[in-house]
Amino acid sequence: MISPVTIARGGEVSVSACPKHMTYGPCGGVRPDGVCETGELACPFVDRPLAVWGAGWAGGRAGGPAAPAGAAPGMRAIELAAALERGGVVVGDLPARPLDRESLRECAAILGGLDAVLSGDTPAHRVQFPPSYRATLIHDAGAVAWVGLNARDRNRVALEAELAALADLDVAAVHCVTGDHTYSGSRPDAAPVFDVDSTTLAWMARAQGLLVSVGETPVAPPAGERPRRVLSKERAGAGVCFIDHAGSVEAVVQFVERCRELGSEAAMIACVALVCDAGSLAVMDSFHVPALSPQARARILAAADPSQAGIDFAVELGRRLLDTGAVAGINLSGGPSPGGELAYAEALAQAAEELRR
């Protein structure tokens, strides 16, 4: 495991020093000052030419092969792709307790009316049921599984096994991320793997015939290269991009426009924060990028009914984003206070229902 390295600002760090072993970096964890999420190591990718999938780059390292044709997609993937084409898709983060089968089923059942339920990774709960088992429970509850898979916890052999299982389960899509480093979150004692990064993982998932999504953070350094990162992941096999919290509707539109100028055809989903109380706000604050302005935070927490205020905020912002025509859908993003999983799932369901009116 590579520990964070302190360097003089303005110094140069080899890409081999990246704690995540990134090839197609920089990841979304770069801090505003260009420092890696792990500590004082300056991100070695910020001031270098971007490695683009399928093409050489100035550093002399080859890109990757063309996106594979992949196996035939499953029915849920076909249906989700059609919904994305129509627009107005609403996805919600699954708020269930980790390692709790009944909580997962109960929350998924409440969210059965959404286009899909995103089962991903949170800093507070690194140890969770395997992705394929979570997908099984989500399907059993009558919801549609959009499954997150990170490269932090498994080598490529284990990732290939999970992808094969997810394809066999006919999940709607797989969200491929490099993953936060183990230095952050609930298990800093665990050794990080990072055998591949999100771009290569997208290629592996597409080879299984899966509908693949990736994420990008418009405001993380180097912001000007982030649209090119989307195109690179798309060339590797991604068909959908989740746009992390960007600060404003205008910033999201500008980011999408830049992606389109470069030739991206990926369906875009904008993340919208759903905050219901101080506990769910703390979850949002654990993310790399601030999801709420100080004004929005104060407005929600000072309300007589913070939960309804949070729903109203998410619906208002979601409608504004959908009305631009720049995005195909909304991801109601966040998590609950401890013990508030069912209430948060109900808030997600209410927000989704109002967005569709």
Protein backbone atom coordinates (compact mmCIF):
# COMPACT_ATOMS: atom_id res chain seq x y z
CA MET A 1 0.00 0.00 0.00
CA ILE A 2 1.34 3.41 -0.97
CA SER A 3 1.16 5.98 1.80
CA PRO A 4 0.48 9.67 1.13
CA VAL A 5 3.66 11.59 0.34
CA THR A 6 4.32 15.17 1.35
CA ILE A 7 5.83 17.24 -1.45
CA ALA A 8 6.63 20.88 -2.02
CA ARG A 9 3.83 22.72 -3.76
CA GLY A 10 4.79 23.13 -7.39
CA GLY A 11 6.92 19.98 -7.28
CA GLU A 12 6.34 17.02 -9.58
CA VAL A 13 5.08 13.56 -8.67
CA SER A 14 5.27 10.50 -10.88
CA VAL A 15 1.96 8.94 -11.89
CA SER A 16 3.29 5.72 -10.36
CA ALA A 17 2.91 7.37 -6.94
CA CYS A 18 -0.89 7.58 -7.32
CA PRO A 19 -2.35 5.76 -4.28
CA LYS A 20 -5.16 4.44 -6.47
CA HIS A 21 -2.88 3.25 -9.28
CA MET A 22 -4.90 5.33 -11.72
CA THR A 23 -4.17 5.01 -15.42
CA TYR A 24 -6.87 7.28 -16.83
CA GLY A 25 -6.79 9.75 -13.94
CA PRO A 26 -7.41 12.10 -12.29
CA CYS A 27 -10.14 10.59 -10.12
CA GLY A 28 -12.99 12.60 -8.62
CA GLY A 29 -11.29 12.85 -5.23
CA VAL A 30 -8.89 15.67 -6.14
CA ARG A 31 -9.28 18.53 -3.68
CA PRO A 32 -9.73 22.13 -4.87
CA ASP A 33 -6.01 22.82 -4.26
CA GLY A 34 -4.98 19.85 -6.42
CA VAL A 35 -4.11 17.59 -3.48
CA CYS A 36 -5.07 13.91 -3.47
CA GLU A 37 -7.96 12.83 -1.24
CA THR A 38 -5.53 10.75 0.85
CA GLY A 39 -3.54 13.65 2.25
CA GLU A 40 -0.67 15.85 1.06
CA LEU A 41 0.26 14.13 -2.19
CA ALA A 42 -0.31 16.48 -5.11
CA CYS A 43 -2.40 14.65 -7.70
CA PRO A 44 0.13 13.63 -10.38
CA PHE A 45 -2.50 13.81 -13.13
CA VAL A 46 -3.66 17.40 -12.70
CA ASP A 47 -0.88 19.00 -14.74
CA ARG A 48 -0.32 16.17 -17.23
CA PRO A 49 -1.96 15.44 -20.57
CA LEU A 50 -4.98 13.22 -20.10
CA ALA A 51 -4.65 9.58 -21.06
CA VAL A 52 -7.56 8.92 -23.42
CA TRP A 53 -8.94 5.44 -23.97
CA GLY A 54 -8.19 4.12 -27.44
CA ALA A 55 -5.54 6.71 -28.27
CA GLY A 56 -1.93 7.44 -27.43
CA TRP A 57 -1.02 10.44 -25.33
CA ALA A 58 1.90 12.77 -24.79
CA GLY A 59 3.36 10.61 -22.04
CA GLY A 60 3.89 7.79 -24.50
CA ARG A 61 1.65 5.32 -22.71
CA ALA A 62 -0.93 3.61 -24.87
CA GLY A 63 -4.64 4.00 -24.31
CA GLY A 64 -6.95 1.01 -24.24
CA PRO A 65 -8.62 -1.08 -26.91
CA ALA A 66 -11.88 -0.08 -28.49
CA ALA A 67 -15.02 -0.69 -26.45
CA PRO A 68 -16.03 -4.33 -26.80
CA ALA A 69 -19.23 -5.26 -28.57
CA GLY A 70 -20.14 -7.23 -25.47
CA ALA A 71 -22.75 -9.90 -24.93
CA ALA A 72 -26.40 -9.19 -25.63
CA PRO A 73 -27.96 -6.82 -23.05
CA GLY A 74 -30.64 -8.08 -20.69
CA MET A 75 -34.27 -6.96 -20.69
CA ARG A 76 -33.88 -4.58 -17.75
CA ALA A 77 -30.95 -2.88 -19.48
CA ILE A 78 -32.96 -2.53 -22.68
CA GLU A 79 -35.90 -1.03 -20.78
CA LEU A 80 -33.68 1.41 -18.88
CA ALA A 81 -31.88 2.47 -22.06
CA ALA A 82 -35.26 3.18 -23.66
CA ALA A 83 -36.33 5.22 -20.63
CA LEU A 84 -33.12 7.25 -20.80
CA GLU A 85 -33.79 7.92 -24.46
CA ARG A 86 -37.25 9.27 -23.59
CA GLY A 87 -35.88 11.32 -20.69
CA GLY A 88 -37.22 12.13 -17.24
CA VAL A 89 -35.62 9.13 -15.53
CA VAL A 90 -35.54 9.23 -11.73
CA VAL A 91 -32.99 7.14 -9.82
CA GLY A 92 -32.59 7.08 -6.04
CA ASP A 93 -29.72 6.03 -3.79
CA LEU A 94 -30.63 2.98 -1.71
CA PRO A 95 -30.66 4.05 1.99
CA ALA A 96 -30.76 0.60 3.62
CA ARG A 97 -28.68 -0.42 6.62
CA PRO A 98 -25.56 -2.39 5.64
CA LEU A 99 -25.54 -6.16 6.12
CA ASP A 100 -29.26 -6.09 6.93
CA ARG A 101 -31.34 -8.12 4.50
CA GLU A 102 -34.72 -6.97 5.81
CA SER A 103 -33.76 -3.29 5.79
CA LEU A 104 -32.56 -3.62 2.22
CA ARG A 105 -35.75 -5.34 1.11
CA GLU A 106 -38.01 -2.89 2.94
CA CYS A 107 -36.27 0.17 1.49
CA ALA A 108 -36.17 -1.31 -2.01
CA ALA A 109 -39.90 -2.11 -1.84
CA ILE A 110 -40.67 1.53 -1.00
CA LEU A 111 -38.58 2.61 -4.00
CA GLY A 112 -40.18 0.21 -6.46
CA GLY A 113 -41.80 3.08 -8.34
CA LEU A 114 -38.49 4.66 -9.33
CA ASP A 115 -36.88 3.85 -12.66
CA ALA A 116 -34.00 2.25 -10.74
CA VAL A 117 -32.43 2.03 -7.29
CA LEU A 118 -28.72 2.82 -7.12
CA SER A 119 -26.94 0.52 -4.66
CA GLY A 120 -23.52 2.02 -4.16
CA ASP A 121 -20.78 2.71 -1.65
CA THR A 122 -20.74 5.07 1.33
CA PRO A 123 -17.78 6.20 3.48
CA ALA A 124 -19.57 5.20 6.68
CA HIS A 125 -20.29 1.63 5.58
CA ARG A 126 -17.41 0.07 3.68
CA VAL A 127 -18.43 -3.50 4.55
CA GLN A 128 -21.61 -4.43 2.71
CA PHE A 129 -23.22 -7.44 1.10
CA PRO A 130 -21.60 -8.26 -2.27
CA PRO A 131 -23.11 -6.26 -5.16
CA SER A 132 -24.71 -9.30 -6.82
CA TYR A 133 -26.44 -10.33 -3.56
CA ARG A 134 -27.75 -6.80 -3.04
CA ALA A 135 -29.08 -6.86 -6.59
CA THR A 136 -30.90 -10.11 -5.86
CA LEU A 137 -32.57 -8.63 -2.78
CA ILE A 138 -33.54 -5.46 -4.67
CA HIS A 139 -35.15 -7.49 -7.45
CA ASP A 140 -36.92 -9.70 -4.92
CA ALA A 141 -38.44 -6.56 -3.41
CA GLY A 142 -39.87 -5.49 -6.76
CA ALA A 143 -37.43 -2.70 -7.57
CA VAL A 144 -34.95 -2.31 -10.42
CA ALA A 145 -31.27 -2.63 -9.45
CA TRP A 146 -28.63 -0.23 -10.71
CA VAL A 147 -25.56 -1.65 -9.00
CA GLY A 148 -22.41 0.20 -7.98
CA LEU A 149 -19.10 -1.62 -8.28
CA ASN A 150 -15.79 -0.16 -7.10
CA ALA A 151 -12.22 -1.19 -7.86
CA ARG A 152 -10.96 -0.48 -4.34
CA ASP A 153 -12.04 -3.74 -2.73
CA ARG A 154 -11.53 -6.42 -5.41
CA ASN A 155 -8.88 -7.39 -7.93
CA ARG A 156 -9.83 -7.85 -11.55
CA VAL A 157 -10.58 -11.56 -11.15
CA ALA A 158 -13.09 -10.87 -8.38
CA LEU A 159 -14.51 -7.97 -10.40
CA GLU A 160 -14.98 -10.21 -13.42
CA ALA A 161 -16.86 -12.70 -11.23
CA GLU A 162 -19.16 -9.98 -9.87
CA LEU A 163 -19.80 -8.63 -13.36
CA ALA A 164 -20.68 -12.09 -14.64
CA ALA A 165 -23.12 -12.52 -11.75
CA LEU A 166 -24.70 -9.10 -12.35
CA ALA A 167 -25.15 -9.90 -16.03
CA ASP A 168 -26.75 -13.23 -15.15
CA LEU A 169 -29.12 -11.43 -12.76
CA ASP A 170 -30.15 -9.04 -15.55
CA VAL A 171 -29.49 -5.86 -13.57
CA ALA A 172 -30.53 -2.66 -15.29
CA ALA A 173 -27.02 -1.17 -15.20
CA VAL A 174 -23.67 -1.21 -13.41
CA HIS A 175 -22.12 1.97 -12.07
CA CYS A 176 -18.34 1.62 -12.39
CA VAL A 177 -16.18 3.70 -10.06
CA THR A 178 -12.56 3.59 -9.00
CA GLY A 179 -13.71 4.12 -5.40
CA ASP A 180 -12.58 6.28 -2.52
CA HIS A 181 -9.31 5.28 -0.91
CA THR A 182 -9.50 3.19 2.25
CA TYR A 183 -7.81 6.03 4.16
CA SER A 184 -11.26 7.62 4.11
CA GLY A 185 -14.35 5.95 5.48
CA SER A 186 -15.00 3.32 8.10
CA ARG A 187 -12.20 0.86 7.28
CA PRO A 188 -8.82 2.63 7.02
CA ASP A 189 -7.24 -0.62 8.21
CA ALA A 190 -8.16 -2.41 4.96
CA ALA A 191 -5.58 -2.66 2.19
CA PRO A 192 -6.74 -0.94 -1.02
CA VAL A 193 -6.63 -3.01 -4.22
CA PHE A 194 -7.11 -0.69 -7.22
CA ASP A 195 -6.11 -3.37 -9.74
CA VAL A 196 -7.99 -1.34 -12.37
CA ASP A 197 -9.60 2.09 -12.47
CA SER A 198 -13.12 3.11 -13.45
CA THR A 199 -12.32 3.42 -17.16
CA THR A 200 -10.96 -0.11 -17.44
CA LEU A 201 -13.76 -1.40 -15.22
CA ALA A 202 -16.28 0.14 -17.62
CA TRP A 203 -14.64 -1.79 -20.45
CA MET A 204 -14.84 -5.01 -18.45
CA ALA A 205 -18.53 -4.43 -17.65
CA ARG A 206 -19.43 -3.65 -21.26
CA ALA A 207 -17.79 -6.92 -22.31
CA GLN A 208 -20.43 -8.69 -20.19
CA GLY A 209 -23.22 -7.00 -22.16
CA LEU A 210 -24.11 -4.70 -19.27
CA LEU A 211 -25.39 -1.14 -19.55
CA VAL A 212 -22.54 0.83 -17.97
CA SER A 213 -22.58 4.11 -16.10
CA VAL A 214 -19.69 6.14 -14.76
CA GLY A 215 -19.38 9.34 -12.78
CA GLU A 216 -17.61 12.62 -13.29
CA THR A 217 -17.07 15.60 -11.01
CA PRO A 218 -17.22 18.85 -13.03
CA VAL A 219 -15.66 21.03 -10.34
CA ALA A 220 -12.71 18.82 -9.33
CA PRO A 221 -9.28 19.83 -10.68
CA PRO A 222 -8.50 19.86 -13.51
CA ALA A 223 -12.06 21.03 -14.27
CA GLY A 224 -11.22 21.80 -17.89
CA GLU A 225 -10.30 18.16 -18.57
CA ARG A 226 -13.34 16.56 -16.96
CA PRO A 227 -15.47 16.49 -20.14
CA ARG A 228 -12.63 14.70 -21.91
CA ARG A 229 -12.67 12.13 -19.11
CA VAL A 230 -16.32 11.45 -19.90
CA LEU A 231 -15.47 10.84 -23.54
CA SER A 232 -12.64 8.50 -22.60
CA LYS A 233 -14.92 6.43 -20.36
CA GLU A 234 -17.55 6.41 -23.07
CA ARG A 235 -15.03 5.04 -25.56
CA ALA A 236 -14.24 2.31 -23.06
CA GLY A 237 -17.87 1.23 -22.91
CA ALA A 238 -19.91 3.60 -20.73
CA GLY A 239 -23.33 4.64 -21.97
CA VAL A 240 -24.40 6.81 -19.03
CA CYS A 241 -22.65 9.48 -16.98
CA PHE A 242 -23.70 10.61 -13.51
CA ILE A 243 -22.78 14.27 -13.11
CA ASP A 244 -21.71 14.91 -9.54
CA HIS A 245 -22.94 17.99 -7.71
CA ALA A 246 -21.75 20.97 -9.73
CA GLY A 247 -23.03 23.96 -7.76
CA SER A 248 -25.74 25.21 -10.13
CA VAL A 249 -28.03 24.27 -12.98
CA GLU A 250 -25.98 26.47 -15.29
CA ALA A 251 -22.78 24.63 -14.38
CA VAL A 252 -24.40 21.29 -15.23
CA VAL A 253 -25.63 22.58 -18.58
CA GLN A 254 -22.22 24.00 -19.45
CA PHE A 255 -20.56 20.72 -18.55
CA VAL A 256 -22.95 18.72 -20.74
CA GLU A 257 -22.50 21.16 -23.61
CA ARG A 258 -18.73 20.77 -23.43
CA CYS A 259 -19.07 16.98 -23.42
CA ARG A 260 -21.29 17.16 -26.50
CA GLU A 261 -18.83 19.44 -28.28
CA LEU A 262 -16.18 16.74 -27.81
CA GLY A 263 -18.47 14.11 -29.31
CA SER A 264 -19.99 12.46 -26.23
CA GLU A 265 -23.33 10.75 -26.76
CA ALA A 266 -23.71 9.33 -23.25
CA ALA A 267 -26.99 9.81 -21.43
CA MET A 268 -26.44 12.34 -18.63
CA ILE A 269 -27.91 12.01 -15.13
CA ALA A 270 -27.54 14.94 -12.73
CA CYS A 271 -27.14 14.32 -9.01
CA VAL A 272 -29.58 16.20 -6.78
CA ALA A 273 -29.12 16.23 -3.01
CA LEU A 274 -31.98 15.08 -0.80
CA VAL A 275 -31.44 16.27 2.77
CA CYS A 276 -34.13 15.67 5.39
CA ASP A 277 -32.39 16.46 8.68
CA ALA A 278 -28.99 17.14 10.26
CA GLY A 279 -28.04 13.47 9.97
CA SER A 280 -28.67 13.24 6.25
CA LEU A 281 -26.85 16.54 5.81
CA ALA A 282 -23.83 14.96 7.53
CA VAL A 283 -23.95 12.18 4.93
CA MET A 284 -23.85 14.73 2.13
CA ASP A 285 -20.97 16.53 3.83
CA SER A 286 -18.94 13.31 3.71
CA PHE A 287 -18.84 13.54 -0.10
CA HIS A 288 -15.88 15.13 -1.86
CA VAL A 289 -17.92 17.98 -3.36
CA PRO A 290 -20.30 20.27 -1.42
CA ALA A 291 -23.81 19.39 -2.56
CA LEU A 292 -25.74 22.26 -0.96
CA SER A 293 -25.12 25.97 -0.78
CA PRO A 294 -25.06 27.60 2.68
CA GLN A 295 -28.42 29.20 1.85
CA ALA A 296 -30.02 25.85 0.97
CA ARG A 297 -28.61 24.21 4.09
CA ALA A 298 -30.03 26.94 6.31
CA ARG A 299 -33.38 26.91 4.51
CA ILE A 300 -33.88 23.17 5.05
CA LEU A 301 -32.66 22.87 8.64
CA ALA A 302 -34.56 25.98 9.80
CA ALA A 303 -37.87 24.79 8.33
CA ALA A 304 -40.71 23.66 10.58
CA ASP A 305 -40.63 20.37 8.67
CA PRO A 306 -37.05 19.83 7.45
CA SER A 307 -37.96 16.61 5.65
CA GLN A 308 -40.62 18.29 3.53
CA ALA A 309 -38.32 21.27 2.95
CA GLY A 310 -35.62 18.91 1.71
CA ILE A 311 -38.07 17.17 -0.60
CA ASP A 312 -39.29 20.51 -1.94
CA PHE A 313 -35.72 21.63 -2.60
CA ALA A 314 -34.82 18.42 -4.43
CA VAL A 315 -37.99 18.52 -6.55
CA GLU A 316 -37.47 22.18 -7.45
CA LEU A 317 -33.86 21.64 -8.47
CA GLY A 318 -34.66 18.38 -10.26
CA ARG A 319 -37.38 20.00 -12.34
CA ARG A 320 -35.11 22.88 -13.30
CA LEU A 321 -32.44 20.44 -14.45
CA LEU A 322 -34.88 18.29 -16.42
CA ASP A 323 -36.41 21.38 -18.03
CA THR A 324 -33.04 22.32 -19.55
CA GLY A 325 -33.19 19.25 -21.80
CA ALA A 326 -29.48 18.71 -21.11
CA VAL A 327 -29.95 15.68 -18.86
CA ALA A 328 -31.86 12.44 -19.33
CA GLY A 329 -32.58 12.00 -15.66
CA ILE A 330 -32.04 12.83 -12.02
CA ASN A 331 -30.27 10.90 -9.26
CA LEU A 332 -31.79 11.70 -5.89
CA SER A 333 -28.57 11.48 -3.94
CA GLY A 334 -27.67 11.16 -0.28
CA GLY A 335 -28.33 8.98 2.72
CA PRO A 336 -30.26 8.79 5.98
CA SER A 337 -29.55 9.49 9.61
CA PRO A 338 -28.76 6.30 11.53
CA GLY A 339 -32.06 4.54 12.13
CA GLY A 340 -33.88 6.74 9.62
CA GLU A 341 -33.57 4.44 6.62
CA LEU A 342 -37.27 3.82 6.05
CA ALA A 343 -38.21 7.47 6.52
CA TYR A 344 -35.53 8.48 4.05
CA ALA A 345 -36.72 5.89 1.54
CA GLU A 346 -40.24 7.32 1.86
CA ALA A 347 -38.87 10.82 1.25
CA LEU A 348 -37.08 9.56 -1.87
CA ALA A 349 -40.28 7.96 -3.12
CA GLN A 350 -42.26 11.15 -2.51
CA ALA A 351 -39.68 13.31 -4.27
CA ALA A 352 -39.65 10.94 -7.25
CA GLU A 353 -43.44 10.96 -7.48
CA GLU A 354 -43.55 14.76 -7.41
CA LEU A 355 -40.84 15.03 -10.05
CA ARG A 356 -43.00 13.00 -12.43
CA ARG A 357 -46.09 15.19 -12.11
